[in-house]
Amino acid sequence: MQRTLFHSKFSSYWKFTIESSSGNSKVLWSRLRCLLQPPSVDSTAEHTAADEFAKFFVNKIDRIRLSTSTAPKPTIERRGVAELLKTFRPITPNEIMTLLRQSPVKQSSLDPIPTWLLKRVGGVLAPSIAVMCNADALIIIAVHCT
């Protein structure tokens, strides 16, 4: 619907522009130039947005390292577990689907996929999600049992 409206507005604008320039080819070509030539790229720019983004994080990491360089090393204590996990029941695609259905349709800009889309294609993705969850769980068990 919106695409049709935009297309209609675009077409009517250019139809009016061409009709209003009839008889004056210089005006017509000056108005059509933006359609016929690609936009010029400013090749004098020294930095791109990606360069600035990377520079920001490099500087941030350098500041953090500088501010913590004199701090004492952290003490890491090994904690015992009262009862080891001895069995693991893999999650099923049906359980993944149940979790997806129960999840609220909230999302963050950090989410790689919108929640509404994940819920809509959950039936297709549930087997793959289950495999990934089960693989992670097996790795965790292997690490804790050794």
C-alpha atoms as a PDB file:
ATOM      1  CA  MET A   1       0.000   0.000   0.000  1.00  0.00           C
ATOM      2  CA  GLN A   2       2.670   2.496   1.044  1.00  0.00           C
ATOM      3  CA  ARG A   3       4.958   1.390  -1.774  1.00  0.00           C
ATOM      4  CA  THR A   4       2.150   1.983  -4.273  1.00  0.00           C
ATOM      5  CA  LEU A   5       1.556   5.450  -2.833  1.00  0.00           C
ATOM      6  CA  PHE A   6       5.270   6.332  -3.044  1.00  0.00           C
ATOM      7  CA  HIS A   7       5.466   5.034  -6.602  1.00  0.00           C
ATOM      8  CA  SER A   8       2.398   7.068  -7.568  1.00  0.00           C
ATOM      9  CA  LYS A   9       3.836  10.258  -5.995  1.00  0.00           C
ATOM     10  CA  PHE A  10       7.202   9.658  -7.663  1.00  0.00           C
ATOM     11  CA  SER A  11       5.586   9.130 -11.072  1.00  0.00           C
ATOM     12  CA  SER A  12       3.300  12.155 -10.807  1.00  0.00           C
ATOM     13  CA  TYR A  13       6.204  14.385  -9.673  1.00  0.00           C
ATOM     14  CA  TRP A  14       8.372  13.436 -12.649  1.00  0.00           C
ATOM     15  CA  LYS A  15       5.461  13.615 -15.082  1.00  0.00           C
ATOM     16  CA  PHE A  16       4.728  17.174 -13.907  1.00  0.00           C
ATOM     17  CA  THR A  17       8.440  18.087 -14.032  1.00  0.00           C
ATOM     18  CA  ILE A  18       8.811  16.838 -17.599  1.00  0.00           C
ATOM     19  CA  GLU A  19       5.564  18.449 -18.786  1.00  0.00           C
ATOM     20  CA  SER A  20       6.431  21.799 -17.190  1.00  0.00           C
ATOM     21  CA  SER A  21       9.790  21.795 -18.998  1.00  0.00           C
ATOM     22  CA  SER A  22       8.365  21.118 -22.451  1.00  0.00           C
ATOM     23  CA  GLY A  23       9.849  23.317 -25.116  1.00  0.00           C
ATOM     24  CA  ASN A  24      12.957  24.088 -23.051  1.00  0.00           C
ATOM     25  CA  SER A  25      15.460  21.251 -23.384  1.00  0.00           C
ATOM     26  CA  LYS A  26      18.087  22.980 -21.230  1.00  0.00           C
ATOM     27  CA  VAL A  27      15.714  23.128 -18.229  1.00  0.00           C
ATOM     28  CA  LEU A  28      14.494  19.597 -18.894  1.00  0.00           C
ATOM     29  CA  TRP A  29      17.996  18.089 -18.949  1.00  0.00           C
ATOM     30  CA  SER A  30      19.068  20.044 -15.871  1.00  0.00           C
ATOM     31  CA  ARG A  31      16.108  18.558 -13.974  1.00  0.00           C
ATOM     32  CA  LEU A  32      16.691  15.023 -15.275  1.00  0.00           C
ATOM     33  CA  ARG A  33      20.453  15.042 -14.596  1.00  0.00           C
ATOM     34  CA  CYS A  34      19.924  13.759 -11.039  1.00  0.00           C
ATOM     35  CA  LEU A  35      18.201  10.657 -12.432  1.00  0.00           C
ATOM     36  CA  LEU A  36      20.727   9.975 -15.170  1.00  0.00           C
ATOM     37  CA  GLN A  37      23.993  10.491 -13.271  1.00  0.00           C
ATOM     38  CA  PRO A  38      25.033   8.654 -10.137  1.00  0.00           C
ATOM     39  CA  PRO A  39      25.608  10.900  -7.131  1.00  0.00           C
ATOM     40  CA  SER A  40      29.166  12.109  -6.829  1.00  0.00           C
ATOM     41  CA  VAL A  41      31.219  10.581  -4.058  1.00  0.00           C
ATOM     42  CA  ASP A  42      33.427  12.873  -2.024  1.00  0.00           C
ATOM     43  CA  SER A  43      36.798  11.188  -2.414  1.00  0.00           C
ATOM     44  CA  THR A  44      38.512  13.747  -0.204  1.00  0.00           C
ATOM     45  CA  ALA A  45      37.010  12.294   2.959  1.00  0.00           C
ATOM     46  CA  GLU A  46      39.822  10.847   5.041  1.00  0.00           C
ATOM     47  CA  HIS A  47      37.707   8.848   7.488  1.00  0.00           C
ATOM     48  CA  THR A  48      34.660   6.714   7.213  1.00  0.00           C
ATOM     49  CA  ALA A  49      32.057   6.036   9.867  1.00  0.00           C
ATOM     50  CA  ALA A  50      33.612   2.588  10.317  1.00  0.00           C
ATOM     51  CA  ASP A  51      37.028   4.166  10.964  1.00  0.00           C
ATOM     52  CA  GLU A  52      35.558   6.487  13.577  1.00  0.00           C
ATOM     53  CA  PHE A  53      33.668   3.593  15.193  1.00  0.00           C
ATOM     54  CA  ALA A  54      36.814   1.458  15.410  1.00  0.00           C
ATOM     55  CA  LYS A  55      38.887   4.383  16.702  1.00  0.00           C
ATOM     56  CA  PHE A  56      36.323   5.042  19.455  1.00  0.00           C
ATOM     57  CA  PHE A  57      36.615   1.476  20.788  1.00  0.00           C
ATOM     58  CA  VAL A  58      40.400   1.319  20.490  1.00  0.00           C
ATOM     59  CA  ASN A  59      40.634   4.542  22.506  1.00  0.00           C
ATOM     60  CA  LYS A  60      38.129   3.225  25.042  1.00  0.00           C
ATOM     61  CA  ILE A  61      40.118   0.021  25.555  1.00  0.00           C
ATOM     62  CA  ASP A  62      43.347   2.001  25.879  1.00  0.00           C
ATOM     63  CA  ARG A  63      41.750   4.241  28.558  1.00  0.00           C
ATOM     64  CA  ILE A  64      40.473   1.191  30.486  1.00  0.00           C
ATOM     65  CA  ARG A  65      43.885  -0.500  30.343  1.00  0.00           C
ATOM     66  CA  LEU A  66      45.574   2.693  31.525  1.00  0.00           C
ATOM     67  CA  SER A  67      43.151   3.166  34.420  1.00  0.00           C
ATOM     68  CA  THR A  68      43.542  -0.440  35.607  1.00  0.00           C
ATOM     69  CA  SER A  69      47.269  -0.916  34.982  1.00  0.00           C
ATOM     70  CA  THR A  70      48.184  -0.273  38.616  1.00  0.00           C
ATOM     71  CA  ALA A  71      45.305  -2.274  40.117  1.00  0.00           C
ATOM     72  CA  PRO A  72      46.151  -5.538  41.877  1.00  0.00           C
ATOM     73  CA  LYS A  73      45.478  -8.744  40.000  1.00  0.00           C
ATOM     74  CA  PRO A  74      42.101 -10.293  40.797  1.00  0.00           C
ATOM     75  CA  THR A  75      41.864 -13.218  43.187  1.00  0.00           C
ATOM     76  CA  ILE A  76      39.982 -16.106  41.644  1.00  0.00           C
ATOM     77  CA  GLU A  77      38.758 -18.716  44.080  1.00  0.00           C
ATOM     78  CA  ARG A  78      37.674 -22.128  42.918  1.00  0.00           C
ATOM     79  CA  ARG A  79      34.308 -23.041  44.340  1.00  0.00           C
ATOM     80  CA  GLY A  80      33.118 -26.565  44.782  1.00  0.00           C
ATOM     81  CA  VAL A  81      29.711 -27.766  43.715  1.00  0.00           C
ATOM     82  CA  ALA A  82      27.615 -29.668  46.252  1.00  0.00           C
ATOM     83  CA  GLU A  83      26.157 -32.019  43.664  1.00  0.00           C
ATOM     84  CA  LEU A  84      27.477 -32.560  40.174  1.00  0.00           C
ATOM     85  CA  LEU A  85      25.125 -32.657  37.238  1.00  0.00           C
ATOM     86  CA  LYS A  86      25.224 -36.292  36.225  1.00  0.00           C
ATOM     87  CA  THR A  87      22.467 -36.450  33.666  1.00  0.00           C
ATOM     88  CA  PHE A  88      21.312 -34.115  30.978  1.00  0.00           C
ATOM     89  CA  ARG A  89      18.049 -34.326  29.118  1.00  0.00           C
ATOM     90  CA  PRO A  90      18.401 -32.526  25.779  1.00  0.00           C
ATOM     91  CA  ILE A  91      15.828 -29.870  24.969  1.00  0.00           C
ATOM     92  CA  THR A  92      13.430 -30.641  22.121  1.00  0.00           C
ATOM     93  CA  PRO A  93      12.226 -28.392  19.302  1.00  0.00           C
ATOM     94  CA  ASN A  94       8.710 -28.594  20.820  1.00  0.00           C
ATOM     95  CA  GLU A  95      10.047 -27.181  24.089  1.00  0.00           C
ATOM     96  CA  ILE A  96      11.750 -24.379  22.147  1.00  0.00           C
ATOM     97  CA  MET A  97       8.433 -23.607  20.435  1.00  0.00           C
ATOM     98  CA  THR A  98       6.663 -23.518  23.826  1.00  0.00           C
ATOM     99  CA  LEU A  99       9.259 -21.069  25.144  1.00  0.00           C
ATOM    100  CA  LEU A 100       8.934 -18.891  22.035  1.00  0.00           C
ATOM    101  CA  ARG A 101       5.136 -18.808  22.316  1.00  0.00           C
ATOM    102  CA  GLN A 102       5.362 -17.811  25.986  1.00  0.00           C
ATOM    103  CA  SER A 103       7.956 -15.100  25.380  1.00  0.00           C
ATOM    104  CA  PRO A 104       6.729 -11.492  25.309  1.00  0.00           C
ATOM    105  CA  VAL A 105       7.097  -9.616  22.032  1.00  0.00           C
ATOM    106  CA  LYS A 106       9.716  -7.229  23.405  1.00  0.00           C
ATOM    107  CA  GLN A 107      12.987  -6.470  21.783  1.00  0.00           C
ATOM    108  CA  SER A 108      16.110  -4.388  21.991  1.00  0.00           C
ATOM    109  CA  SER A 109      18.131  -2.732  19.263  1.00  0.00           C
ATOM    110  CA  LEU A 110      20.866  -5.220  20.220  1.00  0.00           C
ATOM    111  CA  ASP A 111      18.716  -8.211  19.222  1.00  0.00           C
ATOM    112  CA  PRO A 112      19.949  -9.774  15.988  1.00  0.00           C
ATOM    113  CA  ILE A 113      16.386 -10.637  14.948  1.00  0.00           C
ATOM    114  CA  PRO A 114      13.104  -8.956  15.897  1.00  0.00           C
ATOM    115  CA  THR A 115      11.118 -11.033  18.401  1.00  0.00           C
ATOM    116  CA  TRP A 116       7.966 -10.982  16.277  1.00  0.00           C
ATOM    117  CA  LEU A 117       9.936 -12.477  13.358  1.00  0.00           C
ATOM    118  CA  LEU A 118      11.554 -15.143  15.539  1.00  0.00           C
ATOM    119  CA  LYS A 119       8.116 -16.150  16.810  1.00  0.00           C
ATOM    120  CA  ARG A 120       6.733 -16.260  13.276  1.00  0.00           C
ATOM    121  CA  VAL A 121       9.520 -18.503  11.921  1.00  0.00           C
ATOM    122  CA  GLY A 122      10.019 -20.425  15.170  1.00  0.00           C
ATOM    123  CA  GLY A 123       8.797 -23.677  13.661  1.00  0.00           C
ATOM    124  CA  VAL A 124      11.583 -23.544  11.088  1.00  0.00           C
ATOM    125  CA  LEU A 125      14.299 -22.404  13.506  1.00  0.00           C
ATOM    126  CA  ALA A 126      13.340 -24.482  16.583  1.00  0.00           C
ATOM    127  CA  PRO A 127      15.309 -27.612  15.550  1.00  0.00           C
ATOM    128  CA  SER A 128      18.475 -25.562  14.948  1.00  0.00           C
ATOM    129  CA  ILE A 129      18.045 -23.622  18.196  1.00  0.00           C
ATOM    130  CA  ALA A 130      17.606 -26.906  20.083  1.00  0.00           C
ATOM    131  CA  VAL A 131      20.819 -28.305  18.568  1.00  0.00           C
ATOM    132  CA  MET A 132      22.742 -25.164  19.590  1.00  0.00           C
ATOM    133  CA  CYS A 133      21.326 -25.213  23.146  1.00  0.00           C
ATOM    134  CA  ASN A 134      22.111 -28.891  23.548  1.00  0.00           C
ATOM    135  CA  ALA A 135      25.649 -28.438  22.221  1.00  0.00           C
ATOM    136  CA  ASP A 136      26.304 -25.579  24.683  1.00  0.00           C
ATOM    137  CA  ALA A 137      24.910 -27.610  27.566  1.00  0.00           C
ATOM    138  CA  LEU A 138      27.145 -30.574  26.721  1.00  0.00           C
ATOM    139  CA  ILE A 139      30.198 -28.329  26.640  1.00  0.00           C
ATOM    140  CA  ILE A 140      29.297 -26.879  30.049  1.00  0.00           C
ATOM    141  CA  ILE A 141      28.832 -30.367  31.495  1.00  0.00           C
ATOM    142  CA  ALA A 142      32.148 -31.540  30.047  1.00  0.00           C
ATOM    143  CA  VAL A 143      33.993 -28.555  31.521  1.00  0.00           C
ATOM    144  CA  HIS A 144      32.471 -28.969  34.987  1.00  0.00           C
ATOM    145  CA  CYS A 145      32.942 -32.725  35.114  1.00  0.00           C
ATOM    146  CA  THR A 146      36.657 -32.664  34.345  1.00  0.00           C
END
